[in-house]
Protein backbone atom coordinates (compact mmCIF):
# COMPACT_ATOMS: atom_id res chain seq x y z
CA MET A 1 28.57 -9.21 13.34
CA ILE A 2 25.21 -8.45 11.76
CA GLU A 3 24.93 -6.36 8.61
CA VAL A 4 21.62 -4.88 7.49
CA PHE A 5 21.10 -3.57 3.97
CA CYS A 6 18.07 -1.77 2.53
CA GLN A 7 16.15 -1.71 5.82
CA TRP A 8 12.90 0.27 5.68
CA SER A 9 10.29 1.18 8.21
CA VAL A 10 6.94 1.90 6.57
CA LYS A 11 4.15 3.51 8.59
CA VAL A 12 0.70 4.47 7.35
CA LYS A 13 -2.12 6.68 8.66
CA LYS A 14 -5.83 6.74 8.00
CA ARG A 15 -7.32 10.00 6.79
CA GLY A 16 -8.31 12.15 9.76
CA ASP A 17 -6.34 10.05 12.27
CA ASP A 18 -2.83 10.91 13.50
CA THR A 19 -2.11 7.35 14.68
CA LYS A 20 0.64 5.67 12.67
CA TYR A 21 0.50 1.93 11.99
CA VAL A 22 3.38 -0.31 10.91
CA ALA A 23 2.96 -1.64 7.37
CA LYS A 24 4.73 -4.52 5.69
CA VAL A 25 5.80 -4.24 2.04
CA LEU A 26 4.41 -7.26 0.17
CA ALA A 27 5.46 -6.18 -3.32
CA ARG A 28 6.84 -3.13 -5.03
CA GLY A 29 6.93 -1.85 -8.57
CA VAL A 30 10.06 0.23 -8.98
CA GLU A 31 9.25 1.12 -12.60
CA CYS A 32 5.95 2.76 -11.70
CA ASP A 33 6.72 3.88 -8.10
CA ILE A 34 4.04 1.79 -6.37
CA ALA A 35 3.94 -0.69 -3.49
CA LEU A 36 1.47 -3.23 -2.10
CA LEU A 37 1.31 -2.90 1.70
CA SER A 38 -0.21 -4.99 4.48
CA VAL A 39 -1.20 -3.70 7.92
CA GLU A 40 -1.68 -6.34 10.62
CA SER A 41 -3.21 -4.04 13.24
CA LYS A 42 -6.92 -4.79 13.73
CA GLU A 43 -7.40 -1.21 14.95
CA PHE A 44 -6.28 0.13 11.56
CA TRP A 45 -9.02 -1.83 9.74
CA LYS A 46 -11.90 -0.83 12.06
CA GLY A 47 -14.56 0.97 10.02
CA ALA A 48 -12.86 0.22 6.69
CA GLU A 49 -15.10 -0.62 3.74
CA PRO A 50 -13.91 -3.08 1.07
CA LEU A 51 -13.10 -1.61 -2.32
CA HIS A 52 -14.92 -3.46 -5.08
CA LEU A 53 -12.98 -3.47 -8.32
CA GLY A 54 -14.52 -3.92 -11.75
CA CYS A 55 -13.18 -6.04 -14.57
CA LEU A 56 -9.48 -5.86 -15.31
CA PRO A 57 -8.36 -4.48 -18.69
CA ARG A 58 -6.98 -6.81 -21.34
CA LEU A 59 -3.24 -6.92 -21.90
CA GLN A 60 -1.74 -4.18 -24.09
CA VAL A 61 -4.82 -1.91 -23.73
CA VAL A 62 -4.23 1.78 -22.95
CA VAL A 63 -5.43 2.66 -19.41
CA PHE A 64 -5.51 5.92 -17.46
CA SER A 65 -4.88 6.24 -13.74
CA SER A 66 -4.86 8.96 -11.11
CA PHE A 67 -3.56 9.17 -7.57
CA PHE A 68 -3.33 11.45 -4.58
CA LEU A 69 -0.79 11.91 -1.80
């Protein structure tokens, strides 16, 4: 007998494309409702530009963030 607990299927889409791609959850932050995902499909990454991040803030410094769904 096989028991499965907390099984999720995560799929992502690119803006303007209805194709859904399977994503793997690498890490999740339950306290702040965020997850780090990985998509193995090469098709998903076609035309993607890397996001260059600036310097990270020091610990205990107030930061502001925004998001969209």
